[in-house]
C-alpha atoms as a PDB file:
ATOM      1  CA  MET A   1     -32.046  72.530  -1.950  1.00  0.00           C
ATOM      2  CA  PRO A   2     -28.900  74.636  -2.553  1.00  0.00           C
ATOM      3  CA  GLU A   3     -29.493  78.095  -3.997  1.00  0.00           C
ATOM      4  CA  ILE A   4     -27.442  77.373  -7.140  1.00  0.00           C
ATOM      5  CA  TRP A   5     -29.889  74.606  -8.069  1.00  0.00           C
ATOM      6  CA  ILE A   6     -32.835  76.910  -7.485  1.00  0.00           C
ATOM      7  CA  LEU A   7     -31.251  79.496  -9.787  1.00  0.00           C
ATOM      8  CA  LEU A   8     -30.503  76.902 -12.473  1.00  0.00           C
ATOM      9  CA  LEU A   9     -34.083  75.649 -12.320  1.00  0.00           C
ATOM     10  CA  ALA A  10     -35.317  79.252 -12.452  1.00  0.00           C
ATOM     11  CA  PHE A  11     -33.186  79.800 -15.558  1.00  0.00           C
ATOM     12  CA  GLY A  12     -34.669  76.757 -17.268  1.00  0.00           C
ATOM     13  CA  ALA A  13     -38.193  77.757 -16.243  1.00  0.00           C
ATOM     14  CA  ALA A  14     -37.755  81.283 -17.613  1.00  0.00           C
ATOM     15  CA  ALA A  15     -36.364  79.899 -20.874  1.00  0.00           C
ATOM     16  CA  ARG A  16     -39.279  77.497 -21.286  1.00  0.00           C
ATOM     17  CA  LEU A  17     -41.916  80.095 -20.418  1.00  0.00           C
ATOM     18  CA  THR A  18     -40.355  82.507 -22.911  1.00  0.00           C
ATOM     19  CA  ARG A  19     -40.550  79.923 -25.678  1.00  0.00           C
ATOM     20  CA  LEU A  20     -44.104  79.087 -24.638  1.00  0.00           C
ATOM     21  CA  VAL A  21     -45.228  82.698 -25.110  1.00  0.00           C
ATOM     22  CA  ASN A  22     -43.141  83.443 -28.214  1.00  0.00           C
ATOM     23  CA  SER A  23     -43.257  80.476 -30.485  1.00  0.00           C
ATOM     24  CA  ASP A  24     -45.151  77.420 -29.260  1.00  0.00           C
ATOM     25  CA  THR A  25     -48.157  76.325 -31.261  1.00  0.00           C
ATOM     26  CA  ILE A  26     -50.388  76.164 -28.201  1.00  0.00           C
ATOM     27  CA  THR A  27     -50.103  79.940 -27.660  1.00  0.00           C
ATOM     28  CA  ARG A  28     -50.543  80.897 -31.313  1.00  0.00           C
ATOM     29  CA  PRO A  29     -54.217  81.844 -30.715  1.00  0.00           C
ATOM     30  CA  LEU A  30     -53.073  84.300 -28.035  1.00  0.00           C
ATOM     31  CA  ARG A  31     -50.532  85.893 -30.388  1.00  0.00           C
ATOM     32  CA  ASP A  32     -53.129  85.981 -33.194  1.00  0.00           C
ATOM     33  CA  ARG A  33     -55.650  87.647 -30.871  1.00  0.00           C
ATOM     34  CA  VAL A  34     -53.098  90.305 -29.919  1.00  0.00           C
ATOM     35  CA  ALA A  35     -52.342  90.894 -33.612  1.00  0.00           C
ATOM     36  CA  ALA A  36     -56.043  91.120 -34.491  1.00  0.00           C
ATOM     37  CA  ARG A  37     -56.761  93.565 -31.708  1.00  0.00           C
ATOM     38  CA  TYR A  38     -53.726  95.847 -32.030  1.00  0.00           C
ATOM     39  CA  GLY A  39     -52.437  95.166 -35.564  1.00  0.00           C
ATOM     40  CA  ARG A  40     -49.561  93.111 -36.926  1.00  0.00           C
ATOM     41  CA  ASP A  41     -47.033  95.936 -36.630  1.00  0.00           C
ATOM     42  CA  SER A  42     -48.123  97.092 -33.159  1.00  0.00           C
ATOM     43  CA  MET A  43     -46.049  97.256 -29.997  1.00  0.00           C
ATOM     44  CA  PRO A  44     -48.142  94.594 -28.168  1.00  0.00           C
ATOM     45  CA  ARG A  45     -47.783  92.186 -31.115  1.00  0.00           C
ATOM     46  CA  GLU A  46     -44.056  92.882 -31.238  1.00  0.00           C
ATOM     47  CA  PHE A  47     -43.839  92.186 -27.520  1.00  0.00           C
ATOM     48  CA  VAL A  48     -45.442  88.724 -27.633  1.00  0.00           C
ATOM     49  CA  GLY A  49     -43.253  87.798 -30.591  1.00  0.00           C
ATOM     50  CA  CYS A  50     -39.960  89.117 -29.217  1.00  0.00           C
ATOM     51  CA  PRO A  51     -37.921  86.560 -27.242  1.00  0.00           C
ATOM     52  CA  TRP A  52     -35.753  89.323 -25.761  1.00  0.00           C
ATOM     53  CA  CYS A  53     -38.783  91.239 -24.479  1.00  0.00           C
ATOM     54  CA  VAL A  54     -40.686  88.285 -23.062  1.00  0.00           C
ATOM     55  CA  GLY A  55     -37.462  86.701 -21.809  1.00  0.00           C
ATOM     56  CA  PHE A  56     -36.675  89.736 -19.690  1.00  0.00           C
ATOM     57  CA  TRP A  57     -40.095  89.801 -18.026  1.00  0.00           C
ATOM     58  CA  MET A  58     -40.226  86.033 -17.502  1.00  0.00           C
ATOM     59  CA  SER A  59     -36.727  86.120 -16.010  1.00  0.00           C
ATOM     60  CA  LEU A  60     -37.700  88.974 -13.741  1.00  0.00           C
ATOM     61  CA  LEU A  61     -40.784  87.107 -12.526  1.00  0.00           C
ATOM     62  CA  VAL A  62     -39.042  83.767 -11.954  1.00  0.00           C
ATOM     63  CA  THR A  63     -36.010  85.411 -10.326  1.00  0.00           C
ATOM     64  CA  ALA A  64     -38.243  87.354  -7.945  1.00  0.00           C
ATOM     65  CA  LEU A  65     -39.923  84.089  -6.964  1.00  0.00           C
ATOM     66  CA  ALA A  66     -36.569  82.312  -6.630  1.00  0.00           C
ATOM     67  CA  PHE A  67     -35.285  84.994  -4.244  1.00  0.00           C
ATOM     68  CA  THR A  68     -38.369  84.761  -2.029  1.00  0.00           C
ATOM     69  CA  PRO A  69     -37.361  82.004   0.415  1.00  0.00           C
ATOM     70  CA  ALA A  70     -40.908  80.965   1.298  1.00  0.00           C
ATOM     71  CA  ILE A  71     -41.651  80.413  -2.383  1.00  0.00           C
ATOM     72  CA  ALA A  72     -38.278  79.162  -3.636  1.00  0.00           C
ATOM     73  CA  HIS A  73     -38.164  76.327  -1.106  1.00  0.00           C
ATOM     74  CA  SER A  74     -41.778  75.274  -1.601  1.00  0.00           C
ATOM     75  CA  TRP A  75     -42.467  72.075  -3.482  1.00  0.00           C
ATOM     76  CA  PRO A  76     -44.843  73.631  -6.079  1.00  0.00           C
ATOM     77  CA  PHE A  77     -42.164  76.109  -7.168  1.00  0.00           C
ATOM     78  CA  ARG A  78     -39.404  73.488  -7.287  1.00  0.00           C
ATOM     79  CA  TYR A  79     -41.520  70.899  -9.097  1.00  0.00           C
ATOM     80  CA  GLY A  80     -42.901  73.476 -11.513  1.00  0.00           C
ATOM     81  CA  CYS A  81     -39.448  74.834 -12.331  1.00  0.00           C
ATOM     82  CA  THR A  82     -38.078  71.303 -12.652  1.00  0.00           C
ATOM     83  CA  ALA A  83     -40.819  70.284 -15.101  1.00  0.00           C
ATOM     84  CA  LEU A  84     -40.366  73.461 -17.158  1.00  0.00           C
ATOM     85  CA  THR A  85     -36.583  73.019 -17.216  1.00  0.00           C
ATOM     86  CA  ILE A  86     -36.802  69.377 -18.280  1.00  0.00           C
ATOM     87  CA  SER A  87     -39.259  70.350 -21.007  1.00  0.00           C
ATOM     88  CA  TRP A  88     -36.914  73.072 -22.249  1.00  0.00           C
ATOM     89  CA  VAL A  89     -33.852  70.780 -22.233  1.00  0.00           C
ATOM     90  CA  TYR A  90     -35.798  68.056 -24.014  1.00  0.00           C
ATOM     91  CA  ALA A  91     -36.870  70.522 -26.719  1.00  0.00           C
ATOM     92  CA  LEU A  92     -33.241  71.595 -27.193  1.00  0.00           C
ATOM     93  CA  VAL A  93     -32.087  68.000 -27.518  1.00  0.00           C
ATOM     94  CA  ALA A  94     -34.948  67.003 -29.828  1.00  0.00           C
ATOM     95  CA  THR A  95     -34.432  70.047 -32.036  1.00  0.00           C
ATOM     96  CA  ASN A  96     -30.677  69.678 -32.350  1.00  0.00           C
ATOM     97  CA  PHE A  97     -30.087  65.920 -32.285  1.00  0.00           C
ATOM     98  CA  ASP A  98     -33.155  64.224 -33.794  1.00  0.00           C
ATOM     99  CA  ASP A  99     -33.346  63.663 -37.515  1.00  0.00           C
END
């Protein structure tokens, strides 16, 4: 698979993982637990609610994996990134074009 496709899939995966941590319903208990433990106005609670903060770390993680040839060209990484990217694109389309 050409490197540009790996990077595009990594981009989509990082975007989807960021949304998963920041605002998806399924991770609300995690964010609530962080708020209960550290307080609503705490740095950890701010971190899990900040798309810029989580986005940076998710991008760093996925980019590091994408630049590791043994990982980037493995089928679990490619399939995982593809599924995350499709999920992210679908959410964008559903949010912006559905009634």
